[in-house]
N, C-alpha and C. Protein backbone atom coordinates (compact mmCIF):
# COMPACT_ATOMS: atom_id res chain seq x y z
N MET A 1 99.40 81.57 125.34
CA MET A 1 100.15 81.60 124.11
C MET A 1 99.64 82.74 123.22
N LYS A 2 100.56 83.56 122.77
CA LYS A 2 100.19 84.67 121.88
C LYS A 2 99.98 84.15 120.47
N LYS A 3 99.03 84.74 119.79
CA LYS A 3 98.83 84.42 118.38
C LYS A 3 99.94 85.06 117.58
N ARG A 4 100.33 84.39 116.49
CA ARG A 4 101.41 84.89 115.64
C ARG A 4 100.82 85.58 114.41
N VAL A 5 101.39 86.76 114.12
CA VAL A 5 100.95 87.55 112.98
C VAL A 5 102.14 87.78 112.06
N LEU A 6 102.00 87.39 110.82
CA LEU A 6 103.03 87.60 109.81
C LEU A 6 102.76 88.93 109.12
N VAL A 7 103.75 89.81 109.11
CA VAL A 7 103.65 91.12 108.48
C VAL A 7 104.57 91.12 107.27
N SER A 8 104.03 91.45 106.10
CA SER A 8 104.79 91.34 104.86
C SER A 8 105.91 92.36 104.72
N LYS A 9 105.71 93.56 105.26
CA LYS A 9 106.76 94.59 105.25
C LYS A 9 106.42 95.61 106.32
N PRO A 10 107.43 96.34 106.80
CA PRO A 10 107.16 97.33 107.85
C PRO A 10 106.11 98.34 107.41
N MET A 11 105.26 98.70 108.36
CA MET A 11 104.25 99.70 108.11
C MET A 11 104.43 100.80 109.15
N HIS A 12 103.94 101.96 108.85
CA HIS A 12 104.06 103.09 109.76
C HIS A 12 102.86 103.09 110.70
N TYR A 13 103.10 102.64 111.91
CA TYR A 13 102.05 102.58 112.93
C TYR A 13 102.16 103.79 113.85
N VAL A 14 101.12 104.04 114.55
CA VAL A 14 101.17 104.96 115.68
C VAL A 14 101.93 104.21 116.77
N PRO A 15 102.94 104.80 117.40
CA PRO A 15 103.75 104.06 118.39
C PRO A 15 102.93 103.34 119.46
N GLN A 16 101.86 103.95 119.95
CA GLN A 16 101.05 103.31 120.98
C GLN A 16 100.35 102.06 120.43
N ALA A 17 99.91 102.12 119.17
CA ALA A 17 99.26 100.96 118.56
C ALA A 17 100.26 99.83 118.37
N ASP A 18 101.48 100.17 117.97
CA ASP A 18 102.53 99.16 117.78
C ASP A 18 102.83 98.46 119.10
N ALA A 19 102.94 99.21 120.17
CA ALA A 19 103.21 98.63 121.48
C ALA A 19 102.07 97.72 121.92
N ALA A 20 100.83 98.12 121.67
CA ALA A 20 99.68 97.31 122.04
C ALA A 20 99.65 96.01 121.23
N LEU A 21 99.96 96.09 119.94
CA LEU A 21 100.00 94.88 119.11
C LEU A 21 101.03 93.90 119.63
N LYS A 22 102.21 94.40 119.96
CA LYS A 22 103.29 93.53 120.43
C LYS A 22 102.97 92.88 121.77
N GLN A 23 102.17 93.54 122.60
CA GLN A 23 101.76 92.94 123.87
C GLN A 23 100.76 91.82 123.64
N ALA A 24 99.88 91.99 122.65
CA ALA A 24 98.80 91.03 122.41
C ALA A 24 99.20 89.89 121.49
N MET A 25 100.19 90.10 120.62
CA MET A 25 100.54 89.11 119.60
C MET A 25 102.04 89.02 119.40
N GLU A 26 102.45 87.95 118.79
CA GLU A 26 103.84 87.80 118.38
C GLU A 26 103.92 88.23 116.91
N ILE A 27 104.70 89.26 116.63
CA ILE A 27 104.82 89.79 115.29
C ILE A 27 106.01 89.13 114.60
N ILE A 28 105.77 88.59 113.42
CA ILE A 28 106.84 87.98 112.61
C ILE A 28 106.96 88.81 111.33
N MET A 29 108.13 89.38 111.12
CA MET A 29 108.36 90.19 109.92
C MET A 29 108.90 89.31 108.80
N SER A 30 108.31 89.43 107.64
CA SER A 30 108.80 88.72 106.47
C SER A 30 110.04 89.43 105.95
N PRO A 31 111.03 88.69 105.45
CA PRO A 31 112.21 89.35 104.89
C PRO A 31 111.90 90.13 103.61
N ALA A 32 110.80 89.80 102.94
CA ALA A 32 110.38 90.50 101.72
C ALA A 32 108.89 90.25 101.51
N PRO A 33 108.20 91.17 100.83
CA PRO A 33 106.76 91.00 100.58
C PRO A 33 106.49 90.15 99.33
N THR A 34 107.03 88.94 99.33
CA THR A 34 106.86 88.04 98.18
C THR A 34 106.40 86.67 98.66
N GLU A 35 105.80 85.92 97.76
CA GLU A 35 105.36 84.57 98.10
C GLU A 35 106.54 83.71 98.53
N GLU A 36 107.66 83.84 97.84
CA GLU A 36 108.84 83.03 98.15
C GLU A 36 109.34 83.28 99.57
N ALA A 37 109.30 84.52 100.01
CA ALA A 37 109.78 84.85 101.36
C ALA A 37 108.76 84.50 102.43
N MET A 38 107.48 84.67 102.12
CA MET A 38 106.44 84.48 103.12
C MET A 38 105.99 83.02 103.27
N LEU A 39 106.05 82.26 102.21
CA LEU A 39 105.55 80.88 102.23
C LEU A 39 106.13 80.03 103.35
N PRO A 40 107.44 80.03 103.58
CA PRO A 40 107.97 79.20 104.67
C PRO A 40 107.52 79.64 106.07
N LEU A 41 107.05 80.85 106.20
CA LEU A 41 106.62 81.38 107.50
C LEU A 41 105.14 81.16 107.78
N MET A 42 104.40 80.71 106.80
CA MET A 42 102.94 80.59 106.91
C MET A 42 102.47 79.47 107.84
N ARG A 43 103.25 78.46 108.03
CA ARG A 43 102.82 77.27 108.78
C ARG A 43 102.33 77.57 110.20
N ASP A 44 102.97 78.51 110.86
CA ASP A 44 102.67 78.74 112.27
C ASP A 44 102.00 80.07 112.57
N VAL A 45 101.39 80.70 111.58
CA VAL A 45 100.78 82.01 111.84
C VAL A 45 99.26 81.92 111.88
N HIS A 46 98.68 82.81 112.68
CA HIS A 46 97.23 82.89 112.83
C HIS A 46 96.64 83.99 111.97
N ALA A 47 97.49 84.96 111.60
CA ALA A 47 97.03 86.09 110.79
C ALA A 47 98.16 86.58 109.90
N VAL A 48 97.77 87.22 108.80
CA VAL A 48 98.73 87.82 107.88
C VAL A 48 98.29 89.25 107.61
N ILE A 49 99.23 90.17 107.76
CA ILE A 49 99.01 91.54 107.31
C ILE A 49 99.82 91.66 106.02
N ALA A 50 99.13 91.56 104.91
CA ALA A 50 99.76 91.50 103.59
C ALA A 50 99.77 92.89 102.97
N HIS A 51 100.64 93.72 103.47
CA HIS A 51 100.76 95.10 102.99
C HIS A 51 101.62 95.11 101.73
N GLY A 52 100.96 95.28 100.58
CA GLY A 52 101.68 95.30 99.31
C GLY A 52 102.18 93.96 98.86
N ALA A 53 101.63 92.89 99.40
CA ALA A 53 102.08 91.54 99.06
C ALA A 53 100.90 90.70 98.59
N PRO A 54 101.12 89.88 97.58
CA PRO A 54 100.05 88.97 97.16
C PRO A 54 99.92 87.82 98.16
N VAL A 55 98.71 87.31 98.32
CA VAL A 55 98.49 86.12 99.12
C VAL A 55 97.87 85.09 98.19
N SER A 56 98.64 84.05 97.91
CA SER A 56 98.22 83.04 96.94
C SER A 56 97.48 81.89 97.62
N VAL A 57 96.83 81.10 96.81
CA VAL A 57 96.17 79.89 97.31
C VAL A 57 97.20 78.97 97.97
N LYS A 58 98.36 78.89 97.40
CA LYS A 58 99.45 78.06 97.94
C LYS A 58 99.82 78.51 99.36
N MET A 59 99.86 79.82 99.57
CA MET A 59 100.18 80.35 100.90
C MET A 59 99.07 80.02 101.90
N ILE A 60 97.84 80.17 101.49
CA ILE A 60 96.71 79.87 102.37
C ILE A 60 96.69 78.39 102.73
N GLN A 61 96.94 77.54 101.76
CA GLN A 61 96.96 76.10 102.02
C GLN A 61 98.10 75.69 102.95
N ALA A 62 99.16 76.47 102.99
CA ALA A 62 100.32 76.17 103.84
C ALA A 62 100.13 76.66 105.27
N ALA A 63 98.97 77.27 105.57
CA ALA A 63 98.74 77.90 106.87
C ALA A 63 97.55 77.28 107.59
N PRO A 64 97.73 76.14 108.25
CA PRO A 64 96.59 75.48 108.90
C PRO A 64 95.98 76.27 110.06
N LEU A 65 96.73 77.18 110.66
CA LEU A 65 96.23 77.97 111.79
C LEU A 65 95.64 79.30 111.37
N LEU A 66 95.71 79.63 110.10
CA LEU A 66 95.31 80.94 109.60
C LEU A 66 93.84 81.25 109.90
N GLU A 67 93.60 82.44 110.48
CA GLU A 67 92.26 82.88 110.81
C GLU A 67 91.84 84.12 110.01
N VAL A 68 92.81 84.96 109.68
CA VAL A 68 92.46 86.22 109.01
C VAL A 68 93.62 86.70 108.14
N ILE A 69 93.25 87.35 107.03
CA ILE A 69 94.22 88.01 106.15
C ILE A 69 93.77 89.46 106.03
N SER A 70 94.68 90.37 106.30
CA SER A 70 94.39 91.80 106.18
C SER A 70 95.25 92.38 105.06
N THR A 71 94.63 93.19 104.22
CA THR A 71 95.36 93.86 103.15
C THR A 71 95.14 95.36 103.30
N PRO A 72 95.96 96.02 104.13
CA PRO A 72 95.76 97.44 104.41
C PRO A 72 96.27 98.32 103.26
N GLN A 73 95.43 98.49 102.29
CA GLN A 73 95.80 99.31 101.13
C GLN A 73 94.54 99.89 100.52
N ILE A 74 94.74 100.73 99.56
CA ILE A 74 93.61 101.41 98.90
C ILE A 74 93.37 100.75 97.55
N GLY A 75 92.13 100.58 97.19
CA GLY A 75 91.79 100.05 95.87
C GLY A 75 91.12 98.70 95.95
N PHE A 76 90.84 98.16 94.77
CA PHE A 76 90.12 96.89 94.68
C PHE A 76 90.89 95.85 93.88
N ASP A 77 92.20 95.99 93.78
CA ASP A 77 92.99 95.11 92.94
C ASP A 77 93.48 93.85 93.62
N ARG A 78 93.18 93.63 94.88
CA ARG A 78 93.65 92.42 95.57
C ARG A 78 92.49 91.55 95.91
């Protein structure tokens, strides 16, 4: 069974890296980088790539399988 990764919005990957990720994991794209859009998808994911999206306590509590949250951005505001 592949682990599921929720991605908050499309990111510009290197094509080879994107292909490798898709082989190793199931990628779930959020319809929008908002709590309202991502919250219903949190239940079955193992990881979140929160690119430009907030991750609230409510979202974390809704994700019993969650292992990691990644915030690929610059700065210290998250």
